Full PDB file with SEQRES, HELIX, SHEET, SSBOND, CRYST1, ORIGX, SCALE, CONECT and MASTER records, all heavy atoms in Angstrom:
SEQRES   1 A   42  VAL ALA THR SER SER ALA ALA VAL ALA TRP ALA HIS GLY          
SEQRES   2 A   42  TYR ALA ASP GLY ASP VAL LEU PRO VAL ALA THR LEU ILE          
SEQRES   3 A   42  SER ALA LEU ALA GLU ILE ALA ARG VAL LEU PRO VAL PRO          
SEQRES   4 A   42  LEU THR ALA                                                  
HELIX    1 AA1 SER A    5  ALA A   11  1                                   7    
HELIX    2 AA2 VAL A   22  VAL A   35  1                                  14    
CRYST1    1.000    1.000    1.000  90.00  90.00  90.00 P 1           1          
ORIGX1      1.000000  0.000000  0.000000        0.00000                         
ORIGX2      0.000000  1.000000  0.000000        0.00000                         
ORIGX3      0.000000  0.000000  1.000000        0.00000                         
SCALE1      1.000000  0.000000  0.000000        0.00000                         
SCALE2      0.000000  1.000000  0.000000        0.00000                         
SCALE3      0.000000  0.000000  1.000000        0.00000                         
ATOM      1  N   VAL A   1      65.355 125.874  65.941  1.00  0.00           N  
ATOM      2  CA  VAL A   1      64.315 126.857  65.510  1.00  0.00           C  
ATOM      3  C   VAL A   1      63.496 126.469  64.385  1.00  0.00           C  
ATOM      4  O   VAL A   1      63.872 125.858  63.385  1.00  0.00           O  
ATOM      5  CB  VAL A   1      65.097 128.172  65.221  1.00  0.00           C  
ATOM      6  CG1 VAL A   1      64.118 129.263  64.773  1.00  0.00           C  
ATOM      7  CG2 VAL A   1      65.876 128.781  66.426  1.00  0.00           C  
ATOM      8  N   ALA A   2      62.189 126.710  64.513  1.00  0.00           N  
ATOM      9  CA  ALA A   2      61.300 126.515  63.517  1.00  0.00           C  
ATOM     10  C   ALA A   2      60.750 127.807  62.916  1.00  0.00           C  
ATOM     11  O   ALA A   2      61.019 128.905  63.452  1.00  0.00           O  
ATOM     12  CB  ALA A   2      60.052 125.769  64.101  1.00  0.00           C  
ATOM     13  N   THR A   3      60.179 127.841  61.696  1.00  0.00           N  
ATOM     14  CA  THR A   3      59.354 129.000  61.253  1.00  0.00           C  
ATOM     15  C   THR A   3      57.914 128.783  61.478  1.00  0.00           C  
ATOM     16  O   THR A   3      57.514 127.572  61.575  1.00  0.00           O  
ATOM     17  CB  THR A   3      59.679 129.337  59.816  1.00  0.00           C  
ATOM     18  OG1 THR A   3      59.327 128.212  59.006  1.00  0.00           O  
ATOM     19  CG2 THR A   3      61.133 129.669  59.598  1.00  0.00           C  
ATOM     20  N   SER A   4      57.126 129.744  61.654  1.00  0.00           N  
ATOM     21  CA  SER A   4      55.677 129.695  61.551  1.00  0.00           C  
ATOM     22  C   SER A   4      55.199 130.239  60.264  1.00  0.00           C  
ATOM     23  O   SER A   4      55.767 131.388  59.867  1.00  0.00           O  
ATOM     24  CB  SER A   4      55.211 130.555  62.680  1.00  0.00           C  
ATOM     25  OG  SER A   4      53.798 130.988  62.400  1.00  0.00           O  
ATOM     26  N   SER A   5      54.412 129.429  59.490  1.00  0.00           N  
ATOM     27  CA  SER A   5      53.998 129.875  58.146  1.00  0.00           C  
ATOM     28  C   SER A   5      53.251 131.160  58.251  1.00  0.00           C  
ATOM     29  O   SER A   5      53.347 132.115  57.522  1.00  0.00           O  
ATOM     30  CB  SER A   5      53.174 128.829  57.582  1.00  0.00           C  
ATOM     31  OG  SER A   5      51.905 128.571  58.303  1.00  0.00           O  
ATOM     32  N   ALA A   6      52.414 131.328  59.331  1.00  0.00           N  
ATOM     33  CA  ALA A   6      51.508 132.482  59.483  1.00  0.00           C  
ATOM     34  C   ALA A   6      52.466 133.795  59.779  1.00  0.00           C  
ATOM     35  O   ALA A   6      52.319 134.796  59.150  1.00  0.00           O  
ATOM     36  CB  ALA A   6      50.641 132.219  60.579  1.00  0.00           C  
ATOM     37  N   ALA A   7      53.558 133.511  60.691  1.00  0.00           N  
ATOM     38  CA  ALA A   7      54.251 134.641  61.101  1.00  0.00           C  
ATOM     39  C   ALA A   7      55.240 135.167  59.931  1.00  0.00           C  
ATOM     40  O   ALA A   7      55.449 136.294  59.785  1.00  0.00           O  
ATOM     41  CB  ALA A   7      55.111 134.321  62.255  1.00  0.00           C  
ATOM     42  N   VAL A   8      55.644 134.207  59.221  1.00  0.00           N  
ATOM     43  CA  VAL A   8      56.567 134.471  58.030  1.00  0.00           C  
ATOM     44  C   VAL A   8      55.665 135.289  56.897  1.00  0.00           C  
ATOM     45  O   VAL A   8      55.944 136.210  56.321  1.00  0.00           O  
ATOM     46  CB  VAL A   8      57.117 133.160  57.338  1.00  0.00           C  
ATOM     47  CG1 VAL A   8      57.821 133.599  55.987  1.00  0.00           C  
ATOM     48  CG2 VAL A   8      58.223 132.646  58.214  1.00  0.00           C  
ATOM     49  N   ALA A   9      54.446 134.705  56.723  1.00  0.00           N  
ATOM     50  CA  ALA A   9      53.529 135.472  55.714  1.00  0.00           C  
ATOM     51  C   ALA A   9      53.262 136.785  56.181  1.00  0.00           C  
ATOM     52  O   ALA A   9      53.291 137.796  55.461  1.00  0.00           O  
ATOM     53  CB  ALA A   9      52.305 134.544  55.561  1.00  0.00           C  
ATOM     54  N   TRP A  10      52.770 136.995  57.594  1.00  0.00           N  
ATOM     55  CA  TRP A  10      52.487 138.298  57.956  1.00  0.00           C  
ATOM     56  C   TRP A  10      53.666 139.238  57.948  1.00  0.00           C  
ATOM     57  O   TRP A  10      53.535 140.388  57.516  1.00  0.00           O  
ATOM     58  CB  TRP A  10      52.094 138.127  59.520  1.00  0.00           C  
ATOM     59  CG  TRP A  10      50.694 137.388  59.571  1.00  0.00           C  
ATOM     60  CD1 TRP A  10      49.716 137.086  58.634  1.00  0.00           C  
ATOM     61  CD2 TRP A  10      50.321 136.689  60.773  1.00  0.00           C  
ATOM     62  NE1 TRP A  10      48.763 136.304  59.175  1.00  0.00           N  
ATOM     63  CE2 TRP A  10      49.049 136.006  60.588  1.00  0.00           C  
ATOM     64  CE3 TRP A  10      50.855 136.573  62.097  1.00  0.00           C  
ATOM     65  CZ2 TRP A  10      48.394 135.316  61.397  1.00  0.00           C  
ATOM     66  CZ3 TRP A  10      50.127 135.809  63.097  1.00  0.00           C  
ATOM     67  CH2 TRP A  10      48.916 135.184  62.743  1.00  0.00           C  
ATOM     68  N   ALA A  11      54.775 138.815  58.258  1.00  0.00           N  
ATOM     69  CA  ALA A  11      56.006 139.607  58.108  1.00  0.00           C  
ATOM     70  C   ALA A  11      56.300 140.060  56.867  1.00  0.00           C  
ATOM     71  O   ALA A  11      56.979 141.167  56.658  1.00  0.00           O  
ATOM     72  CB  ALA A  11      57.180 138.770  58.829  1.00  0.00           C  
ATOM     73  N   HIS A  12      55.890 139.312  55.829  1.00  0.00           N  
ATOM     74  CA  HIS A  12      56.029 139.782  54.410  1.00  0.00           C  
ATOM     75  C   HIS A  12      54.678 140.307  53.716  1.00  0.00           C  
ATOM     76  O   HIS A  12      54.775 140.552  52.521  1.00  0.00           O  
ATOM     77  CB  HIS A  12      56.598 138.699  53.508  1.00  0.00           C  
ATOM     78  CG  HIS A  12      57.933 138.285  54.076  1.00  0.00           C  
ATOM     79  ND1 HIS A  12      58.410 137.311  55.046  1.00  0.00           N  
ATOM     80  CD2 HIS A  12      59.136 138.611  53.473  1.00  0.00           C  
ATOM     81  CE1 HIS A  12      59.618 137.272  55.168  1.00  0.00           C  
ATOM     82  NE2 HIS A  12      60.168 137.983  54.166  1.00  0.00           N  
ATOM     83  N   GLY A  13      53.817 140.576  54.500  1.00  0.00           N  
ATOM     84  CA  GLY A  13      52.614 141.333  54.115  1.00  0.00           C  
ATOM     85  C   GLY A  13      51.550 140.446  53.403  1.00  0.00           C  
ATOM     86  O   GLY A  13      50.767 140.886  52.521  1.00  0.00           O  
ATOM     87  N   TYR A  14      51.544 139.145  53.756  1.00  0.00           N  
ATOM     88  CA  TYR A  14      50.567 138.084  53.202  1.00  0.00           C  
ATOM     89  C   TYR A  14      49.721 137.487  54.262  1.00  0.00           C  
ATOM     90  O   TYR A  14      50.228 137.373  55.470  1.00  0.00           O  
ATOM     91  CB  TYR A  14      51.320 137.120  52.317  1.00  0.00           C  
ATOM     92  CG  TYR A  14      52.087 137.487  51.155  1.00  0.00           C  
ATOM     93  CD1 TYR A  14      53.244 137.980  51.119  1.00  0.00           C  
ATOM     94  CD2 TYR A  14      51.366 137.531  49.906  1.00  0.00           C  
ATOM     95  CE1 TYR A  14      54.042 138.377  50.052  1.00  0.00           C  
ATOM     96  CE2 TYR A  14      51.935 138.039  48.726  1.00  0.00           C  
ATOM     97  CZ  TYR A  14      53.410 138.408  48.747  1.00  0.00           C  
ATOM     98  OH  TYR A  14      53.858 138.842  47.698  1.00  0.00           O  
ATOM     99  N   ALA A  15      48.593 137.192  53.925  1.00  0.00           N  
ATOM    100  CA  ALA A  15      47.765 136.329  54.904  1.00  0.00           C  
ATOM    101  C   ALA A  15      48.378 134.868  54.915  1.00  0.00           C  
ATOM    102  O   ALA A  15      49.027 134.464  54.071  1.00  0.00           O  
ATOM    103  CB  ALA A  15      46.304 136.262  54.353  1.00  0.00           C  
ATOM    104  N   ASP A  16      47.993 134.106  56.013  1.00  0.00           N  
ATOM    105  CA  ASP A  16      48.388 132.703  56.072  1.00  0.00           C  
ATOM    106  C   ASP A  16      47.455 131.992  55.288  1.00  0.00           C  
ATOM    107  O   ASP A  16      46.277 132.351  55.035  1.00  0.00           O  
ATOM    108  CB  ASP A  16      48.375 132.257  57.507  1.00  0.00           C  
ATOM    109  CG  ASP A  16      48.849 130.940  57.769  1.00  0.00           C  
ATOM    110  OD1 ASP A  16      49.734 130.494  56.963  1.00  0.00           O  
ATOM    111  OD2 ASP A  16      48.366 130.316  58.766  1.00  0.00           O  
ATOM    112  N   GLY A  17      47.909 130.800  54.707  1.00  0.00           N  
ATOM    113  CA  GLY A  17      46.963 129.961  53.924  1.00  0.00           C  
ATOM    114  C   GLY A  17      47.266 129.731  52.539  1.00  0.00           C  
ATOM    115  O   GLY A  17      46.629 129.837  51.665  1.00  0.00           O  
ATOM    116  N   ASP A  18      48.571 129.377  52.270  1.00  0.00           N  
ATOM    117  CA  ASP A  18      49.005 129.010  50.997  1.00  0.00           C  
ATOM    118  C   ASP A  18      49.118 130.065  49.975  1.00  0.00           C  
ATOM    119  O   ASP A  18      48.928 129.684  48.738  1.00  0.00           O  
ATOM    120  CB  ASP A  18      48.278 127.719  50.386  1.00  0.00           C  
ATOM    121  CG  ASP A  18      48.656 126.442  51.089  1.00  0.00           C  
ATOM    122  OD1 ASP A  18      49.823 126.234  51.241  1.00  0.00           O  
ATOM    123  OD2 ASP A  18      47.775 125.545  51.303  1.00  0.00           O  
ATOM    124  N   VAL A  19      49.303 131.315  50.328  1.00  0.00           N  
ATOM    125  CA  VAL A  19      49.364 132.445  49.573  1.00  0.00           C  
ATOM    126  C   VAL A  19      50.669 133.056  49.504  1.00  0.00           C  
ATOM    127  O   VAL A  19      51.041 133.802  48.538  1.00  0.00           O  
ATOM    128  CB  VAL A  19      48.319 133.610  49.830  1.00  0.00           C  
ATOM    129  CG1 VAL A  19      46.825 132.869  49.551  1.00  0.00           C  
ATOM    130  CG2 VAL A  19      48.512 134.030  51.204  1.00  0.00           C  
ATOM    131  N   LEU A  20      51.422 132.720  50.359  1.00  0.00           N  
ATOM    132  CA  LEU A  20      52.883 133.289  50.330  1.00  0.00           C  
ATOM    133  C   LEU A  20      53.734 132.820  49.173  1.00  0.00           C  
ATOM    134  O   LEU A  20      53.590 131.619  48.990  1.00  0.00           O  
ATOM    135  CB  LEU A  20      53.605 132.931  51.720  1.00  0.00           C  
ATOM    136  CG  LEU A  20      55.068 133.379  51.856  1.00  0.00           C  
ATOM    137  CD1 LEU A  20      55.097 134.947  52.024  1.00  0.00           C  
ATOM    138  CD2 LEU A  20      55.834 132.715  52.834  1.00  0.00           C  
ATOM    139  N   PRO A  21      54.296 133.679  48.322  1.00  0.00           N  
ATOM    140  CA  PRO A  21      55.004 133.200  47.218  1.00  0.00           C  
ATOM    141  C   PRO A  21      56.200 132.238  47.633  1.00  0.00           C  
ATOM    142  O   PRO A  21      56.886 132.664  48.622  1.00  0.00           O  
ATOM    143  CB  PRO A  21      55.556 134.577  46.550  1.00  0.00           C  
ATOM    144  CG  PRO A  21      54.618 135.443  47.028  1.00  0.00           C  
ATOM    145  CD  PRO A  21      54.089 135.124  48.273  1.00  0.00           C  
ATOM    146  N   VAL A  22      56.307 131.076  47.025  1.00  0.00           N  
ATOM    147  CA  VAL A  22      57.352 130.160  47.307  1.00  0.00           C  
ATOM    148  C   VAL A  22      58.722 130.774  47.370  1.00  0.00           C  
ATOM    149  O   VAL A  22      59.531 130.643  48.258  1.00  0.00           O  
ATOM    150  CB  VAL A  22      57.279 128.908  46.546  1.00  0.00           C  
ATOM    151  CG1 VAL A  22      58.410 128.067  46.842  1.00  0.00           C  
ATOM    152  CG2 VAL A  22      56.010 128.155  46.859  1.00  0.00           C  
ATOM    153  N   ALA A  23      58.932 131.728  46.416  1.00  0.00           N  
ATOM    154  CA  ALA A  23      60.163 132.274  46.313  1.00  0.00           C  
ATOM    155  C   ALA A  23      60.464 133.202  47.578  1.00  0.00           C  
ATOM    156  O   ALA A  23      61.667 133.293  48.086  1.00  0.00           O  
ATOM    157  CB  ALA A  23      60.305 133.192  45.054  1.00  0.00           C  
ATOM    158  N   THR A  24      59.452 133.848  48.044  1.00  0.00           N  
ATOM    159  CA  THR A  24      59.695 134.684  49.290  1.00  0.00           C  
ATOM    160  C   THR A  24      59.930 133.896  50.442  1.00  0.00           C  
ATOM    161  O   THR A  24      60.829 134.087  51.378  1.00  0.00           O  
ATOM    162  CB  THR A  24      58.224 135.455  49.583  1.00  0.00           C  
ATOM    163  OG1 THR A  24      58.086 136.337  48.430  1.00  0.00           O  
ATOM    164  CG2 THR A  24      58.516 136.391  50.766  1.00  0.00           C  
ATOM    165  N   LEU A  25      59.278 132.586  50.673  1.00  0.00           N  
ATOM    166  CA  LEU A  25      59.519 131.818  51.713  1.00  0.00           C  
ATOM    167  C   LEU A  25      61.025 131.265  51.640  1.00  0.00           C  
ATOM    168  O   LEU A  25      61.684 131.241  52.523  1.00  0.00           O  
ATOM    169  CB  LEU A  25      58.652 130.456  51.548  1.00  0.00           C  
ATOM    170  CG  LEU A  25      58.940 129.309  52.383  1.00  0.00           C  
ATOM    171  CD1 LEU A  25      58.800 129.600  53.830  1.00  0.00           C  
ATOM    172  CD2 LEU A  25      58.230 127.987  51.884  1.00  0.00           C  
ATOM    173  N   ILE A  26      61.552 130.860  50.435  1.00  0.00           N  
ATOM    174  CA  ILE A  26      62.897 130.376  50.265  1.00  0.00           C  
ATOM    175  C   ILE A  26      63.742 131.372  50.684  1.00  0.00           C  
ATOM    176  O   ILE A  26      64.827 131.127  51.321  1.00  0.00           O  
ATOM    177  CB  ILE A  26      63.038 129.738  48.920  1.00  0.00           C  
ATOM    178  CG1 ILE A  26      62.096 128.674  48.469  1.00  0.00           C  
ATOM    179  CG2 ILE A  26      64.447 129.288  48.666  1.00  0.00           C  
ATOM    180  CD1 ILE A  26      62.014 127.560  49.537  1.00  0.00           C  
ATOM    181  N   SER A  27      63.563 132.552  50.206  1.00  0.00           N  
ATOM    182  CA  SER A  27      64.620 133.691  50.557  1.00  0.00           C  
ATOM    183  C   SER A  27      64.650 133.926  52.065  1.00  0.00           C  
ATOM    184  O   SER A  27      65.732 134.105  52.633  1.00  0.00           O  
ATOM    185  CB  SER A  27      64.064 134.983  49.914  1.00  0.00           C  
ATOM    186  OG  SER A  27      64.883 136.132  50.229  1.00  0.00           O  
ATOM    187  N   ALA A  28      63.426 133.765  52.755  1.00  0.00           N  
ATOM    188  CA  ALA A  28      63.375 133.962  54.146  1.00  0.00           C  
ATOM    189  C   ALA A  28      64.177 132.865  54.789  1.00  0.00           C  
ATOM    190  O   ALA A  28      64.834 133.131  55.777  1.00  0.00           O  
ATOM    191  CB  ALA A  28      61.920 134.046  54.609  1.00  0.00           C  
ATOM    192  N   LEU A  29      63.917 131.623  54.361  1.00  0.00           N  
ATOM    193  CA  LEU A  29      64.624 130.583  55.024  1.00  0.00           C  
ATOM    194  C   LEU A  29      66.110 130.640  55.001  1.00  0.00           C  
ATOM    195  O   LEU A  29      66.880 130.257  55.841  1.00  0.00           O  
ATOM    196  CB  LEU A  29      64.116 129.222  54.389  1.00  0.00           C  
ATOM    197  CG  LEU A  29      62.680 128.849  54.682  1.00  0.00           C  
ATOM    198  CD1 LEU A  29      62.325 127.561  53.865  1.00  0.00           C  
ATOM    199  CD2 LEU A  29      62.496 128.523  56.168  1.00  0.00           C  
ATOM    200  N   ALA A  30      66.567 131.057  53.760  1.00  0.00           N  
ATOM    201  CA  ALA A  30      67.979 131.236  53.514  1.00  0.00           C  
ATOM    202  C   ALA A  30      68.692 132.269  54.360  1.00  0.00           C  
ATOM    203  O   ALA A  30      69.742 132.072  54.974  1.00  0.00           O  
ATOM    204  CB  ALA A  30      68.330 131.536  52.034  1.00  0.00           C  
ATOM    205  N   GLU A  31      67.866 133.293  54.588  1.00  0.00           N  
ATOM    206  CA  GLU A  31      68.465 134.337  55.506  1.00  0.00           C  
ATOM    207  C   GLU A  31      68.396 133.808  56.935  1.00  0.00           C  
ATOM    208  O   GLU A  31      69.370 134.148  57.571  1.00  0.00           O  
ATOM    209  CB  GLU A  31      67.414 135.590  55.402  1.00  0.00           C  
ATOM    210  CG  GLU A  31      67.477 136.284  54.156  1.00  0.00           C  
ATOM    211  CD  GLU A  31      66.370 137.374  53.878  1.00  0.00           C  
ATOM    212  OE1 GLU A  31      65.373 137.416  54.656  1.00  0.00           O  
ATOM    213  OE2 GLU A  31      66.460 137.980  52.906  1.00  0.00           O  
ATOM    214  N   ILE A  32      67.402 133.103  57.324  1.00  0.00           N  
ATOM    215  CA  ILE A  32      67.380 132.554  58.622  1.00  0.00           C  
ATOM    216  C   ILE A  32      68.609 131.540  58.817  1.00  0.00           C  
ATOM    217  O   ILE A  32      69.283 131.509  59.919  1.00  0.00           O  
ATOM    218  CB  ILE A  32      66.097 132.007  58.916  1.00  0.00           C  
ATOM    219  CG1 ILE A  32      64.957 133.009  59.223  1.00  0.00           C  
ATOM    220  CG2 ILE A  32      66.139 131.029  60.270  1.00  0.00           C  
ATOM    221  CD1 ILE A  32      63.619 132.423  59.194  1.00  0.00           C  
ATOM    222  N   ALA A  33      68.597 130.595  57.942  1.00  0.00           N  
ATOM    223  CA  ALA A  33      69.703 129.628  58.100  1.00  0.00           C  
ATOM    224  C   ALA A  33      71.079 130.164  58.152  1.00  0.00           C  
ATOM    225  O   ALA A  33      71.856 129.596  58.752  1.00  0.00           O  
ATOM    226  CB  ALA A  33      69.465 128.649  56.909  1.00  0.00           C  
ATOM    227  N   ARG A  34      71.410 131.235  57.451  1.00  0.00           N  
ATOM    228  CA  ARG A  34      72.655 131.851  57.393  1.00  0.00           C  
ATOM    229  C   ARG A  34      73.140 132.266  58.835  1.00  0.00           C  
ATOM    230  O   ARG A  34      74.328 132.230  58.984  1.00  0.00           O  
ATOM    231  CB  ARG A  34      72.663 133.068  56.454  1.00  0.00           C  
ATOM    232  CG  ARG A  34      73.946 133.750  56.225  1.00  0.00           C  
ATOM    233  CD  ARG A  34      73.873 134.928  55.252  1.00  0.00           C  
ATOM    234  NE  ARG A  34      72.914 135.927  55.673  1.00  0.00           N  
ATOM    235  CZ  ARG A  34      73.254 136.875  56.506  1.00  0.00           C  
ATOM    236  NH1 ARG A  34      74.398 137.013  57.067  1.00  0.00           N  
ATOM    237  NH2 ARG A  34      72.323 137.836  56.858  1.00  0.00           N  
ATOM    238  N   VAL A  35      72.230 132.646  59.812  1.00  0.00           N  
ATOM    239  CA  VAL A  35      72.605 133.074  60.999  1.00  0.00           C  
ATOM    240  C   VAL A  35      72.422 132.091  62.111  1.00  0.00           C  
ATOM    241  O   VAL A  35      72.767 132.447  63.232  1.00  0.00           O  
ATOM    242  CB  VAL A  35      71.928 134.437  61.378  1.00  0.00           C  
ATOM    243  CG1 VAL A  35      72.037 135.506  60.270  1.00  0.00           C  
ATOM    244  CG2 VAL A  35      70.311 134.133  61.506  1.00  0.00           C  
ATOM    245  N   LEU A  36      72.001 130.854  61.764  1.00  0.00           N  
ATOM    246  CA  LEU A  36      71.558 129.932  62.781  1.00  0.00           C  
ATOM    247  C   LEU A  36      72.704 128.960  63.120  1.00  0.00           C  
ATOM    248  O   LEU A  36      73.172 128.345  62.054  1.00  0.00           O  
ATOM    249  CB  LEU A  36      70.372 129.166  62.505  1.00  0.00           C  
ATOM    250  CG  LEU A  36      68.967 129.793  62.943  1.00  0.00           C  
ATOM    251  CD1 LEU A  36      67.953 128.741  62.669  1.00  0.00           C  
ATOM    252  CD2 LEU A  36      68.957 130.161  64.422  1.00  0.00           C  
ATOM    253  N   PRO A  37      73.158 128.619  64.268  1.00  0.00           N  
ATOM    254  CA  PRO A  37      74.103 127.563  64.609  1.00  0.00           C  
ATOM    255  C   PRO A  37      73.317 126.332  64.898  1.00  0.00           C  
ATOM    256  O   PRO A  37      74.063 125.388  65.286  1.00  0.00           O  
ATOM    257  CB  PRO A  37      74.829 128.268  65.799  1.00  0.00           C  
ATOM    258  CG  PRO A  37      73.797 128.972  66.546  1.00  0.00           C  
ATOM    259  CD  PRO A  37      72.844 129.538  65.459  1.00  0.00           C  
ATOM    260  N   VAL A  38      72.081 126.298  64.822  1.00  0.00           N  
ATOM    261  CA  VAL A  38      71.224 125.172  65.288  1.00  0.00           C  
ATOM    262  C   VAL A  38      70.328 124.752  64.168  1.00  0.00           C  
ATOM    263  O   VAL A  38      70.087 125.497  63.163  1.00  0.00           O  
ATOM    264  CB  VAL A  38      70.312 125.490  66.583  1.00  0.00           C  
ATOM    265  CG1 VAL A  38      71.353 125.794  67.739  1.00  0.00           C  
ATOM    266  CG2 VAL A  38      69.391 126.604  66.310  1.00  0.00           C  
ATOM    267  N   PRO A  39      69.711 123.554  64.167  1.00  0.00           N  
ATOM    268  CA  PRO A  39      68.841 123.124  63.090  1.00  0.00           C  
ATOM    269  C   PRO A  39      67.682 124.011  62.890  1.00  0.00           C  
ATOM    270  O   PRO A  39      67.156 124.603  63.868  1.00  0.00           O  
ATOM    271  CB  PRO A  39      68.375 121.758  63.655  1.00  0.00           C  
ATOM    272  CG  PRO A  39      69.476 121.210  64.603  1.00  0.00           C  
ATOM    273  CD  PRO A  39      69.934 122.386  65.312  1.00  0.00           C  
ATOM    274  N   LEU A  40      67.335 124.216  61.591  1.00  0.00           N  
ATOM    275  CA  LEU A  40      66.223 124.935  61.139  1.00  0.00           C  
ATOM    276  C   LEU A  40      65.081 123.982  60.597  1.00  0.00           C  
ATOM    277  O   LEU A  40      65.445 123.170  59.703  1.00  0.00           O  
ATOM    278  CB  LEU A  40      66.523 125.918  60.211  1.00  0.00           C  
ATOM    279  CG  LEU A  40      65.438 126.747  59.454  1.00  0.00           C  
ATOM    280  CD1 LEU A  40      64.577 127.574  60.500  1.00  0.00           C  
ATOM    281  CD2 LEU A  40      65.967 127.583  58.377  1.00  0.00           C  
ATOM    282  N   THR A  41      63.877 124.096  60.937  1.00  0.00           N  
ATOM    283  CA  THR A  41      62.730 123.380  60.368  1.00  0.00           C  
ATOM    284  C   THR A  41      61.747 124.349  59.879  1.00  0.00           C  
ATOM    285  O   THR A  41      61.491 125.403  60.524  1.00  0.00           O  
ATOM    286  CB  THR A  41      62.157 122.408  61.214  1.00  0.00           C  
ATOM    287  OG1 THR A  41      61.108 121.663  60.583  1.00  0.00           O  
ATOM    288  CG2 THR A  41      61.539 122.970  62.501  1.00  0.00           C  
ATOM    289  N   ALA A  42      61.224 124.225  58.644  1.00  0.00           N  
ATOM    290  CA  ALA A  42      60.406 125.117  58.030  1.00  0.00           C  
ATOM    291  C   ALA A  42      58.935 124.739  57.890  1.00  0.00           C  
ATOM    292  O   ALA A  42      58.623 123.615  57.501  1.00  0.00           O  
ATOM    293  CB  ALA A  42      60.894 125.351  56.550  1.00  0.00           C  
TER     294      ALA A  42                                                      
MASTER        0    0    0    2    0    0    0    6  293    1    0    4          
END                                                                             
């Protein structure tokens, strides 16, 4: 499973384009990785 930068940004109320706070990204990745039995790419 991959993430989409635009989809993650939109889901958290930000536009795509290097404006999503990195801390928000890292939190989202950790939440995703916790439930995944397969590789994750960000």
